[in-house]
């Protein structure tokens, strides 16, 4: 797991761990990143399944309740199959755009 910080955004890049292992690693280091918007980049994986995405659901819900963005980046999943409760986008650029839009919504009180 590689952590890169860009302002108030932490980008977590998948190396070799499985999604389950990645979720466990994120939960273990969550105290360090809990006040940031989080982007989980799964672009390096050859195959991403719906079950892989669902592994992040509880972590995403917890983080979003604390008024921060949690976004997964993967172009290997059918976005129509993903649950509405979790944000999945195909590119890192789109993830940054979502963070920006969600911050504006929070600033406006939505």
PDB file of N, CA and C in Angstrom:
ATOM      1  N   UNK A   1       0.855  -1.178   0.000  1.00  0.00           N
ATOM      2  CA  UNK A   1       0.000   0.000   0.000  1.00  0.00           C
ATOM      3  C   UNK A   1       0.893   1.230   0.000  1.00  0.00           C
ATOM      4  N   UNK A   2       0.678   2.099  -0.952  1.00  0.00           N
ATOM      5  CA  UNK A   2       1.442   3.343  -1.051  1.00  0.00           C
ATOM      6  C   UNK A   2       0.498   4.499  -0.738  1.00  0.00           C
ATOM      7  N   UNK A   3       0.900   5.353   0.212  1.00  0.00           N
ATOM      8  CA  UNK A   3       0.108   6.537   0.577  1.00  0.00           C
ATOM      9  C   UNK A   3       0.782   7.779   0.019  1.00  0.00           C
ATOM     10  N   UNK A   4       0.042   8.563  -0.733  1.00  0.00           N
ATOM     11  CA  UNK A   4       0.503   9.863  -1.214  1.00  0.00           C
ATOM     12  C   UNK A   4      -0.507  10.906  -0.783  1.00  0.00           C
ATOM     13  N   UNK A   5      -0.012  12.015  -0.249  1.00  0.00           N
ATOM     14  CA  UNK A   5      -0.905  13.081   0.180  1.00  0.00           C
ATOM     15  C   UNK A   5      -0.780  14.261  -0.762  1.00  0.00           C
ATOM     16  N   UNK A   6      -1.937  14.786  -1.163  1.00  0.00           N
ATOM     17  CA  UNK A   6      -2.003  15.950  -2.040  1.00  0.00           C
ATOM     18  C   UNK A   6      -2.999  16.912  -1.397  1.00  0.00           C
ATOM     19  N   UNK A   7      -2.483  17.831  -0.571  1.00  0.00           N
ATOM     20  CA  UNK A   7      -3.362  18.736   0.171  1.00  0.00           C
ATOM     21  C   UNK A   7      -4.158  17.947   1.183  1.00  0.00           C
ATOM     22  N   UNK A   8      -5.491  17.994   1.059  1.00  0.00           N
ATOM     23  CA  UNK A   8      -6.352  17.264   1.990  1.00  0.00           C
ATOM     24  C   UNK A   8      -6.859  15.952   1.393  1.00  0.00           C
ATOM     25  N   UNK A   9      -6.137  15.443   0.391  1.00  0.00           N
ATOM     26  CA  UNK A   9      -6.502  14.190  -0.265  1.00  0.00           C
ATOM     27  C   UNK A   9      -5.374  13.177  -0.068  1.00  0.00           C
ATOM     28  N   UNK A  10      -5.724  11.998   0.402  1.00  0.00           N
ATOM     29  CA  UNK A  10      -4.766  10.903   0.493  1.00  0.00           C
ATOM     30  C   UNK A  10      -5.109   9.898  -0.591  1.00  0.00           C
ATOM     31  N   UNK A  11      -4.121   9.594  -1.426  1.00  0.00           N
ATOM     32  CA  UNK A  11      -4.302   8.616  -2.490  1.00  0.00           C
ATOM     33  C   UNK A  11      -3.629   7.325  -2.041  1.00  0.00           C
ATOM     34  N   UNK A  12      -4.404   6.268  -1.982  1.00  0.00           N
ATOM     35  CA  UNK A  12      -3.897   4.956  -1.587  1.00  0.00           C
ATOM     36  C   UNK A  12      -3.804   4.116  -2.855  1.00  0.00           C
ATOM     37  N   UNK A  13      -2.581   3.709  -3.169  1.00  0.00           N
ATOM     38  CA  UNK A  13      -2.362   2.934  -4.386  1.00  0.00           C
ATOM     39  C   UNK A  13      -2.132   1.480  -4.026  1.00  0.00           C
ATOM     40  N   UNK A  14      -2.815   0.621  -4.726  1.00  0.00           N
ATOM     41  CA  UNK A  14      -2.722  -0.816  -4.533  1.00  0.00           C
ATOM     42  C   UNK A  14      -1.406  -1.325  -5.105  1.00  0.00           C
ATOM     43  N   UNK A  15      -0.684  -2.110  -4.334  1.00  0.00           N
ATOM     44  CA  UNK A  15       0.533  -2.735  -4.850  1.00  0.00           C
ATOM     45  C   UNK A  15       0.245  -4.190  -5.202  1.00  0.00           C
ATOM     46  N   UNK A  16       0.462  -5.076  -4.238  1.00  0.00           N
ATOM     47  CA  UNK A  16       0.283  -6.499  -4.497  1.00  0.00           C
ATOM     48  C   UNK A  16      -0.765  -7.141  -3.608  1.00  0.00           C
ATOM     49  N   UNK A  17      -1.238  -6.439  -2.620  1.00  0.00           N
ATOM     50  CA  UNK A  17      -2.209  -7.008  -1.684  1.00  0.00           C
ATOM     51  C   UNK A  17      -3.550  -7.225  -2.373  1.00  0.00           C
ATOM     52  N   UNK A  18      -4.295  -8.176  -1.850  1.00  0.00           N
ATOM     53  CA  UNK A  18      -5.663  -8.388  -2.330  1.00  0.00           C
ATOM     54  C   UNK A  18      -6.523  -7.249  -1.775  1.00  0.00           C
ATOM     55  N   UNK A  19      -7.692  -7.019  -2.347  1.00  0.00           N
ATOM     56  CA  UNK A  19      -8.564  -5.974  -1.796  1.00  0.00           C
ATOM     57  C   UNK A  19      -8.877  -6.176  -0.314  1.00  0.00           C
ATOM     58  N   UNK A  20      -9.054  -7.416   0.127  1.00  0.00           N
ATOM     59  CA  UNK A  20      -9.332  -7.673   1.548  1.00  0.00           C
ATOM     60  C   UNK A  20      -8.147  -7.222   2.396  1.00  0.00           C
ATOM     61  N   UNK A  21      -6.932  -7.569   1.963  1.00  0.00           N
ATOM     62  CA  UNK A  21      -5.729  -7.158   2.687  1.00  0.00           C
ATOM     63  C   UNK A  21      -5.575  -5.638   2.668  1.00  0.00           C
ATOM     64  N   UNK A  22      -5.915  -5.024   1.540  1.00  0.00           N
ATOM     65  CA  UNK A  22      -5.815  -3.570   1.435  1.00  0.00           C
ATOM     66  C   UNK A  22      -6.775  -2.889   2.410  1.00  0.00           C
ATOM     67  N   UNK A  23      -7.999  -3.385   2.504  1.00  0.00           N
ATOM     68  CA  UNK A  23      -8.967  -2.821   3.447  1.00  0.00           C
ATOM     69  C   UNK A  23      -8.423  -2.932   4.869  1.00  0.00           C
ATOM     70  N   UNK A  24      -7.845  -4.076   5.205  1.00  0.00           N
ATOM     71  CA  UNK A  24      -7.272  -4.266   6.541  1.00  0.00           C
ATOM     72  C   UNK A  24      -6.131  -3.290   6.798  1.00  0.00           C
ATOM     73  N   UNK A  25      -5.284  -3.067   5.797  1.00  0.00           N
ATOM     74  CA  UNK A  25      -4.171  -2.121   5.955  1.00  0.00           C
ATOM     75  C   UNK A  25      -4.683  -0.688   6.123  1.00  0.00           C
ATOM     76  N   UNK A  26      -5.708  -0.341   5.360  1.00  0.00           N
ATOM     77  CA  UNK A  26      -6.284   1.002   5.478  1.00  0.00           C
ATOM     78  C   UNK A  26      -6.884   1.177   6.873  1.00  0.00           C
ATOM     79  N   UNK A  27      -7.621   0.174   7.343  1.00  0.00           N
ATOM     80  CA  UNK A  27      -8.220   0.260   8.680  1.00  0.00           C
ATOM     81  C   UNK A  27      -7.147   0.385   9.754  1.00  0.00           C
ATOM     82  N   UNK A  28      -6.021  -0.300   9.581  1.00  0.00           N
ATOM     83  CA  UNK A  28      -4.935  -0.242  10.559  1.00  0.00           C
ATOM     84  C   UNK A  28      -4.279   1.134  10.616  1.00  0.00           C
ATOM     85  N   UNK A  29      -4.217   1.823   9.482  1.00  0.00           N
ATOM     86  CA  UNK A  29      -3.579   3.143   9.451  1.00  0.00           C
ATOM     87  C   UNK A  29      -4.600   4.278   9.340  1.00  0.00           C
ATOM     88  N   UNK A  30      -5.872   3.967   9.603  1.00  0.00           N
ATOM     89  CA  UNK A  30      -6.957   4.928   9.414  1.00  0.00           C
ATOM     90  C   UNK A  30      -6.800   6.190  10.260  1.00  0.00           C
ATOM     91  N   UNK A  31      -6.261   6.064  11.446  1.00  0.00           N
ATOM     92  CA  UNK A  31      -6.121   7.230  12.340  1.00  0.00           C
ATOM     93  C   UNK A  31      -5.290   8.334  11.689  1.00  0.00           C
ATOM     94  N   UNK A  32      -4.332   7.959  10.852  1.00  0.00           N
ATOM     95  CA  UNK A  32      -3.467   8.945  10.194  1.00  0.00           C
ATOM     96  C   UNK A  32      -4.174   9.681   9.061  1.00  0.00           C
ATOM     97  N   UNK A  33      -5.175   9.050   8.456  1.00  0.00           N
ATOM     98  CA  UNK A  33      -5.795   9.622   7.255  1.00  0.00           C
ATOM     99  C   UNK A  33      -7.271   9.948   7.432  1.00  0.00           C
ATOM    100  N   UNK A  34      -7.793   9.795   8.633  1.00  0.00           N
ATOM    101  CA  UNK A  34      -9.238   9.939   8.842  1.00  0.00           C
ATOM    102  C   UNK A  34      -9.773  11.340   8.556  1.00  0.00           C
ATOM    103  N   UNK A  35      -8.916  12.360   8.584  1.00  0.00           N
ATOM    104  CA  UNK A  35      -9.371  13.724   8.321  1.00  0.00           C
ATOM    105  C   UNK A  35      -9.159  14.158   6.876  1.00  0.00           C
ATOM    106  N   UNK A  36      -8.699  13.244   6.039  1.00  0.00           N
ATOM    107  CA  UNK A  36      -8.473  13.538   4.619  1.00  0.00           C
ATOM    108  C   UNK A  36      -9.587  12.931   3.771  1.00  0.00           C
ATOM    109  N   UNK A  37      -9.717  13.442   2.559  1.00  0.00           N
ATOM    110  CA  UNK A  37     -10.520  12.764   1.554  1.00  0.00           C
ATOM    111  C   UNK A  37      -9.651  11.616   1.047  1.00  0.00           C
ATOM    112  N   UNK A  38     -10.249  10.454   0.810  1.00  0.00           N
ATOM    113  CA  UNK A  38      -9.472   9.272   0.438  1.00  0.00           C
ATOM    114  C   UNK A  38      -9.844   8.817  -0.969  1.00  0.00           C
ATOM    115  N   UNK A  39      -8.799   8.593  -1.763  1.00  0.00           N
ATOM    116  CA  UNK A  39      -8.957   7.997  -3.091  1.00  0.00           C
ATOM    117  C   UNK A  39      -8.180   6.685  -3.071  1.00  0.00           C
ATOM    118  N   UNK A  40      -8.868   5.577  -3.340  1.00  0.00           N
ATOM    119  CA  UNK A  40      -8.223   4.266  -3.406  1.00  0.00           C
ATOM    120  C   UNK A  40      -8.054   3.922  -4.879  1.00  0.00           C
ATOM    121  N   UNK A  41      -6.806   3.865  -5.324  1.00  0.00           N
ATOM    122  CA  UNK A  41      -6.504   3.623  -6.730  1.00  0.00           C
ATOM    123  C   UNK A  41      -6.249   2.135  -6.956  1.00  0.00           C
ATOM    124  N   UNK A  42      -7.189   1.477  -7.619  1.00  0.00           N
ATOM    125  CA  UNK A  42      -7.066   0.055  -7.935  1.00  0.00           C
ATOM    126  C   UNK A  42      -6.727  -0.162  -9.409  1.00  0.00           C
ATOM    127  N   UNK A  43      -6.258   0.870 -10.080  1.00  0.00           N
ATOM    128  CA  UNK A  43      -5.988   0.801 -11.514  1.00  0.00           C
ATOM    129  C   UNK A  43      -4.929  -0.227 -11.889  1.00  0.00           C
ATOM    130  N   UNK A  44      -4.029  -0.532 -10.960  1.00  0.00           N
ATOM    131  CA  UNK A  44      -2.956  -1.471 -11.277  1.00  0.00           C
ATOM    132  C   UNK A  44      -3.418  -2.930 -11.272  1.00  0.00           C
ATOM    133  N   UNK A  45      -4.610  -3.194 -10.740  1.00  0.00           N
ATOM    134  CA  UNK A  45      -5.119  -4.564 -10.716  1.00  0.00           C
ATOM    135  C   UNK A  45      -5.609  -4.981 -12.094  1.00  0.00           C
ATOM    136  N   UNK A  46      -5.333  -6.218 -12.477  1.00  0.00           N
ATOM    137  CA  UNK A  46      -5.781  -6.724 -13.774  1.00  0.00           C
ATOM    138  C   UNK A  46      -7.278  -7.003 -13.794  1.00  0.00           C
ATOM    139  N   UNK A  47      -7.814  -7.424 -12.633  1.00  0.00           N
ATOM    140  CA  UNK A  47      -9.226  -7.763 -12.560  1.00  0.00           C
ATOM    141  C   UNK A  47      -9.794  -7.233 -11.244  1.00  0.00           C
ATOM    142  N   UNK A  48     -10.929  -6.565 -11.320  1.00  0.00           N
ATOM    143  CA  UNK A  48     -11.628  -6.082 -10.135  1.00  0.00           C
ATOM    144  C   UNK A  48     -13.068  -6.579 -10.244  1.00  0.00           C
ATOM    145  N   UNK A  49     -13.527  -7.238  -9.189  1.00  0.00           N
ATOM    146  CA  UNK A  49     -14.885  -7.767  -9.189  1.00  0.00           C
ATOM    147  C   UNK A  49     -15.779  -6.915  -8.289  1.00  0.00           C
ATOM    148  N   UNK A  50     -17.059  -7.138  -8.406  1.00  0.00           N
ATOM    149  CA  UNK A  50     -18.015  -6.447  -7.553  1.00  0.00           C
ATOM    150  C   UNK A  50     -17.751  -6.789  -6.090  1.00  0.00           C
ATOM    151  N   UNK A  51     -17.398  -8.039  -5.810  1.00  0.00           N
ATOM    152  CA  UNK A  51     -17.075  -8.441  -4.435  1.00  0.00           C
ATOM    153  C   UNK A  51     -15.876  -7.656  -3.900  1.00  0.00           C
ATOM    154  N   UNK A  52     -14.879  -7.389  -4.767  1.00  0.00           N
ATOM    155  CA  UNK A  52     -13.724  -6.589  -4.354  1.00  0.00           C
ATOM    156  C   UNK A  52     -14.160  -5.192  -3.933  1.00  0.00           C
ATOM    157  N   UNK A  53     -15.055  -4.593  -4.701  1.00  0.00           N
ATOM    158  CA  UNK A  53     -15.533  -3.241  -4.398  1.00  0.00           C
ATOM    159  C   UNK A  53     -16.331  -3.246  -3.095  1.00  0.00           C
ATOM    160  N   UNK A  54     -17.158  -4.261  -2.907  1.00  0.00           N
ATOM    161  CA  UNK A  54     -18.000  -4.339  -1.716  1.00  0.00           C
ATOM    162  C   UNK A  54     -17.156  -4.465  -0.444  1.00  0.00           C
ATOM    163  N   UNK A  55     -15.949  -4.998  -0.550  1.00  0.00           N
ATOM    164  CA  UNK A  55     -15.043  -5.077   0.601  1.00  0.00           C
ATOM    165  C   UNK A  55     -14.808  -3.694   1.219  1.00  0.00           C
ATOM    166  N   UNK A  56     -14.865  -2.650   0.404  1.00  0.00           N
ATOM    167  CA  UNK A  56     -14.598  -1.284   0.859  1.00  0.00           C
ATOM    168  C   UNK A  56     -15.848  -0.576   1.380  1.00  0.00           C
ATOM    169  N   UNK A  57     -17.017  -1.199   1.276  1.00  0.00           N
ATOM    170  CA  UNK A  57     -18.281  -0.533   1.572  1.00  0.00           C
ATOM    171  C   UNK A  57     -18.374  -0.016   3.006  1.00  0.00           C
ATOM    172  N   UNK A  58     -18.041  -0.834   3.982  1.00  0.00           N
ATOM    173  CA  UNK A  58     -18.146  -0.382   5.378  1.00  0.00           C
ATOM    174  C   UNK A  58     -17.176   0.764   5.655  1.00  0.00           C
ATOM    175  N   UNK A  59     -15.955   0.651   5.168  1.00  0.00           N
ATOM    176  CA  UNK A  59     -14.967   1.706   5.344  1.00  0.00           C
ATOM    177  C   UNK A  59     -15.430   2.994   4.669  1.00  0.00           C
ATOM    178  N   UNK A  60     -15.985   2.866   3.473  1.00  0.00           N
ATOM    179  CA  UNK A  60     -16.501   4.025   2.745  1.00  0.00           C
ATOM    180  C   UNK A  60     -17.642   4.689   3.517  1.00  0.00           C
ATOM    181  N   UNK A  61     -18.587   3.899   3.995  1.00  0.00           N
ATOM    182  CA  UNK A  61     -19.725   4.459   4.739  1.00  0.00           C
ATOM    183  C   UNK A  61     -19.265   5.195   5.992  1.00  0.00           C
ATOM    184  N   UNK A  62     -18.333   4.594   6.722  1.00  0.00           N
ATOM    185  CA  UNK A  62     -17.799   5.227   7.934  1.00  0.00           C
ATOM    186  C   UNK A  62     -17.134   6.555   7.605  1.00  0.00           C
ATOM    187  N   UNK A  63     -16.321   6.555   6.556  1.00  0.00           N
ATOM    188  CA  UNK A  63     -15.581   7.763   6.192  1.00  0.00           C
ATOM    189  C   UNK A  63     -16.513   8.867   5.689  1.00  0.00           C
ATOM    190  N   UNK A  64     -17.493   8.498   4.891  1.00  0.00           N
ATOM    191  CA  UNK A  64     -18.421   9.485   4.342  1.00  0.00           C
ATOM    192  C   UNK A  64     -19.316  10.080   5.431  1.00  0.00           C
ATOM    193  N   UNK A  65     -19.624   9.295   6.477  1.00  0.00           N
ATOM    194  CA  UNK A  65     -20.416   9.827   7.592  1.00  0.00           C
ATOM    195  C   UNK A  65     -19.660  10.927   8.331  1.00  0.00           C
ATOM    196  N   UNK A  66     -18.339  10.876   8.283  1.00  0.00           N
ATOM    197  CA  UNK A  66     -17.535  11.901   8.942  1.00  0.00           C
ATOM    198  C   UNK A  66     -17.287  13.098   8.019  1.00  0.00           C
ATOM    199  N   UNK A  67     -18.096  13.210   6.960  1.00  0.00           N
ATOM    200  CA  UNK A  67     -18.075  14.360   6.042  1.00  0.00           C
ATOM    201  C   UNK A  67     -16.768  14.468   5.248  1.00  0.00           C
ATOM    202  N   UNK A  68     -16.276  13.305   4.769  1.00  0.00           N
ATOM    203  CA  UNK A  68     -15.110  13.269   3.896  1.00  0.00           C
ATOM    204  C   UNK A  68     -15.416  12.345   2.718  1.00  0.00           C
ATOM    205  N   UNK A  69     -14.750  12.589   1.612  1.00  0.00           N
ATOM    206  CA  UNK A  69     -14.961  11.779   0.416  1.00  0.00           C
ATOM    207  C   UNK A  69     -14.172  10.483   0.488  1.00  0.00           C
ATOM    208  N   UNK A  70     -14.735   9.417  -0.079  1.00  0.00           N
ATOM    209  CA  UNK A  70     -14.074   8.126  -0.209  1.00  0.00           C
ATOM    210  C   UNK A  70     -14.402   7.627  -1.608  1.00  0.00           C
ATOM    211  N   UNK A  71     -13.385   7.518  -2.455  1.00  0.00           N
ATOM    212  CA  UNK A  71     -13.601   7.193  -3.864  1.00  0.00           C
ATOM    213  C   UNK A  71     -12.659   6.076  -4.275  1.00  0.00           C
ATOM    214  N   UNK A  72     -13.168   5.144  -5.052  1.00  0.00           N
ATOM    215  CA  UNK A  72     -12.358   4.063  -5.604  1.00  0.00           C
ATOM    216  C   UNK A  72     -12.169   4.318  -7.096  1.00  0.00           C
ATOM    217  N   UNK A  73     -10.937   4.140  -7.558  1.00  0.00           N
ATOM    218  CA  UNK A  73     -10.626   4.313  -8.979  1.00  0.00           C
ATOM    219  C   UNK A  73     -10.350   2.942  -9.585  1.00  0.00           C
ATOM    220  N   UNK A  74     -11.171   2.577 -10.562  1.00  0.00           N
ATOM    221  CA  UNK A  74     -10.959   1.337 -11.308  1.00  0.00           C
ATOM    222  C   UNK A  74     -11.722   1.409 -12.620  1.00  0.00           C
ATOM    223  N   UNK A  75     -11.038   1.043 -13.687  1.00  0.00           N
ATOM    224  CA  UNK A  75     -11.712   0.985 -14.985  1.00  0.00           C
ATOM    225  C   UNK A  75     -12.011  -0.460 -15.378  1.00  0.00           C
ATOM    226  N   UNK A  76     -11.869  -1.371 -14.408  1.00  0.00           N
ATOM    227  CA  UNK A  76     -12.059  -2.796 -14.690  1.00  0.00           C
ATOM    228  C   UNK A  76     -13.404  -3.324 -14.176  1.00  0.00           C
ATOM    229  N   UNK A  77     -14.283  -2.451 -13.740  1.00  0.00           N
ATOM    230  CA  UNK A  77     -15.572  -2.871 -13.178  1.00  0.00           C
ATOM    231  C   UNK A  77     -16.700  -2.159 -13.918  1.00  0.00           C
ATOM    232  N   UNK A  78     -17.817  -2.840 -14.058  1.00  0.00           N
ATOM    233  CA  UNK A  78     -18.994  -2.224 -14.652  1.00  0.00           C
ATOM    234  C   UNK A  78     -19.607  -1.302 -13.596  1.00  0.00           C
ATOM    235  N   UNK A  79     -19.551  -0.012 -13.834  1.00  0.00           N
ATOM    236  CA  UNK A  79     -20.007   0.963 -12.843  1.00  0.00           C
ATOM    237  C   UNK A  79     -21.497   0.849 -12.548  1.00  0.00           C
ATOM    238  N   UNK A  80     -22.265   0.305 -13.486  1.00  0.00           N
ATOM    239  CA  UNK A  80     -23.701   0.133 -13.265  1.00  0.00           C
ATOM    240  C   UNK A  80     -23.990  -0.948 -12.225  1.00  0.00           C
ATOM    241  N   UNK A  81     -23.028  -1.833 -11.964  1.00  0.00           N
ATOM    242  CA  UNK A  81     -23.219  -2.916 -11.004  1.00  0.00           C
ATOM    243  C   UNK A  81     -22.863  -2.510  -9.571  1.00  0.00           C
ATOM    244  N   UNK A  82     -22.153  -1.420  -9.405  1.00  0.00           N
ATOM    245  CA  UNK A  82     -21.682  -1.049  -8.072  1.00  0.00           C
ATOM    246  C   UNK A  82     -22.812  -0.431  -7.246  1.00  0.00           C
ATOM    247  N   UNK A  83     -22.806  -0.678  -5.936  1.00  0.00           N
ATOM    248  CA  UNK A  83     -23.845  -0.099  -5.076  1.00  0.00           C
ATOM    249  C   UNK A  83     -23.781   1.434  -5.089  1.00  0.00           C
ATOM    250  N   UNK A  84     -24.930   2.058  -4.947  1.00  0.00           N
ATOM    251  CA  UNK A  84     -24.992   3.523  -4.940  1.00  0.00           C
ATOM    252  C   UNK A  84     -24.261   4.128  -3.749  1.00  0.00           C
ATOM    253  N   UNK A  85     -24.078   3.344  -2.681  1.00  0.00           N
ATOM    254  CA  UNK A  85     -23.451   3.862  -1.458  1.00  0.00           C
ATOM    255  C   UNK A  85     -21.952   4.060  -1.589  1.00  0.00           C
ATOM    256  N   UNK A  86     -21.352   3.552  -2.651  1.00  0.00           N
ATOM    257  CA  UNK A  86     -19.903   3.679  -2.809  1.00  0.00           C
ATOM    258  C   UNK A  86     -19.612   4.332  -4.161  1.00  0.00           C
ATOM    259  N   UNK A  87     -18.637   5.238  -4.169  1.00  0.00           N
ATOM    260  CA  UNK A  87     -18.313   5.976  -5.387  1.00  0.00           C
ATOM    261  C   UNK A  87     -17.136   5.292  -6.079  1.00  0.00           C
ATOM    262  N   UNK A  88     -17.370   4.855  -7.312  1.00  0.00           N
ATOM    263  CA  UNK A  88     -16.329   4.237  -8.130  1.00  0.00           C
ATOM    264  C   UNK A  88     -16.269   4.995  -9.441  1.00  0.00           C
ATOM    265  N   UNK A  89     -15.067   5.411  -9.824  1.00  0.00           N
ATOM    266  CA  UNK A  89     -14.868   6.134 -11.079  1.00  0.00           C
ATOM    267  C   UNK A  89     -13.724   5.479 -11.847  1.00  0.00           C
ATOM    268  N   UNK A  90     -13.686   5.663 -13.182  1.00  0.00           N
ATOM    269  CA  UNK A  90     -12.661   4.982 -13.972  1.00  0.00           C
ATOM    270  C   UNK A  90     -11.280   5.654 -13.996  1.00  0.00           C
ATOM    271  N   UNK A  91     -11.194   6.946 -13.635  1.00  0.00           N
ATOM    272  CA  UNK A  91      -9.898   7.625 -13.724  1.00  0.00           C
ATOM    273  C   UNK A  91      -9.610   8.441 -12.466  1.00  0.00           C
ATOM    274  N   UNK A  92      -8.332   8.681 -12.237  1.00  0.00           N
ATOM    275  CA  UNK A  92      -7.900   9.502 -11.107  1.00  0.00           C
ATOM    276  C   UNK A  92      -8.395  10.936 -11.254  1.00  0.00           C
ATOM    277  N   UNK A  93      -8.424  11.442 -12.476  1.00  0.00           N
ATOM    278  CA  UNK A  93      -8.922  12.801 -12.735  1.00  0.00           C
ATOM    279  C   UNK A  93     -10.372  12.931 -12.281  1.00  0.00           C
ATOM    280  N   UNK A  94     -11.182  11.935 -12.602  1.00  0.00           N
ATOM    281  CA  UNK A  94     -12.592  11.962 -12.179  1.00  0.00           C
ATOM    282  C   UNK A  94     -12.711  11.890 -10.661  1.00  0.00           C
ATOM    283  N   UNK A  95     -11.823  11.154 -10.020  1.00  0.00           N
ATOM    284  CA  UNK A  95     -11.841  11.075  -8.555  1.00  0.00           C
ATOM    285  C   UNK A  95     -11.586  12.455  -7.951  1.00  0.00           C
ATOM    286  N   UNK A  96     -10.597  13.176  -8.491  1.00  0.00           N
ATOM    287  CA  UNK A  96     -10.332  14.534  -8.008  1.00  0.00           C
ATOM    288  C   UNK A  96     -11.532  15.441  -8.232  1.00  0.00           C
ATOM    289  N   UNK A  97     -12.200  15.294  -9.382  1.00  0.00           N
ATOM    290  CA  UNK A  97     -13.388  16.101  -9.679  1.00  0.00           C
ATOM    291  C   UNK A  97     -14.507  15.823  -8.671  1.00  0.00           C
ATOM    292  N   UNK A  98     -14.706  14.552  -8.321  1.00  0.00           N
ATOM    293  CA  UNK A  98     -15.740  14.182  -7.347  1.00  0.00           C
ATOM    294  C   UNK A  98     -15.427  14.790  -5.982  1.00  0.00           C
ATOM    295  N   UNK A  99     -14.158  14.707  -5.565  1.00  0.00           N
ATOM    296  CA  UNK A  99     -13.759  15.298  -4.277  1.00  0.00           C
ATOM    297  C   UNK A  99     -14.087  16.786  -4.280  1.00  0.00           C
ATOM    298  N   UNK A 100     -13.741  17.465  -5.357  1.00  0.00           N
ATOM    299  CA  UNK A 100     -13.998  18.906  -5.457  1.00  0.00           C
ATOM    300  C   UNK A 100     -15.492  19.207  -5.383  1.00  0.00           C
ATOM    301  N   UNK A 101     -16.308  18.438  -6.097  1.00  0.00           N
ATOM    302  CA  UNK A 101     -17.761  18.659  -6.074  1.00  0.00           C
ATOM    303  C   UNK A 101     -18.338  18.378  -4.684  1.00  0.00           C
ATOM    304  N   UNK A 102     -17.898  17.289  -4.058  1.00  0.00           N
ATOM    305  CA  UNK A 102     -18.419  16.955  -2.732  1.00  0.00           C
ATOM    306  C   UNK A 102     -18.003  18.001  -1.696  1.00  0.00           C
ATOM    307  N   UNK A 103     -16.799  18.551  -1.823  1.00  0.00           N
ATOM    308  CA  UNK A 103     -16.392  19.610  -0.890  1.00  0.00           C
ATOM    309  C   UNK A 103     -17.253  20.855  -1.071  1.00  0.00           C
ATOM    310  N   UNK A 104     -17.587  21.191  -2.316  1.00  0.00           N
ATOM    311  CA  UNK A 104     -18.470  22.343  -2.547  1.00  0.00           C
ATOM    312  C   UNK A 104     -19.846  22.094  -1.930  1.00  0.00           C
ATOM    313  N   UNK A 105     -20.363  20.876  -2.092  1.00  0.00           N
ATOM    314  CA  UNK A 105     -21.666  20.537  -1.511  1.00  0.00           C
ATOM    315  C   UNK A 105     -21.628  20.649   0.000  1.00  0.00           C
ATOM    316  N   UNK A 106     -20.550  20.164   0.629  1.00  0.00           N
ATOM    317  CA  UNK A 106     -20.434  20.255   2.080  1.00  0.00           C
ATOM    318  C   UNK A 106     -20.334  21.716   2.525  1.00  0.00           C
ATOM    319  N   UNK A 107     -19.604  22.525   1.766  1.00  0.00           N
ATOM    320  CA  UNK A 107     -19.483  23.952   2.094  1.00  0.00           C
ATOM    321  C   UNK A 107     -20.835  24.665   2.011  1.00  0.00           C
ATOM    322  N   UNK A 108     -21.689  24.183   1.103  1.00  0.00           N
ATOM    323  CA  UNK A 108     -23.014  24.779   0.932  1.00  0.00           C
ATOM    324  C   UNK A 108     -24.057  24.179   1.879  1.00  0.00           C
ATOM    325  N   UNK A 109     -23.633  23.178   2.663  1.00  0.00           N
ATOM    326  CA  UNK A 109     -24.531  22.601   3.652  1.00  0.00           C
ATOM    327  C   UNK A 109     -25.371  21.442   3.178  1.00  0.00           C
ATOM    328  N   UNK A 110     -25.031  20.829   2.072  1.00  0.00           N
ATOM    329  CA  UNK A 110     -25.795  19.679   1.565  1.00  0.00           C
ATOM    330  C   UNK A 110     -25.308  18.400   2.182  1.00  0.00           C
TER     331      UNK A 110
END
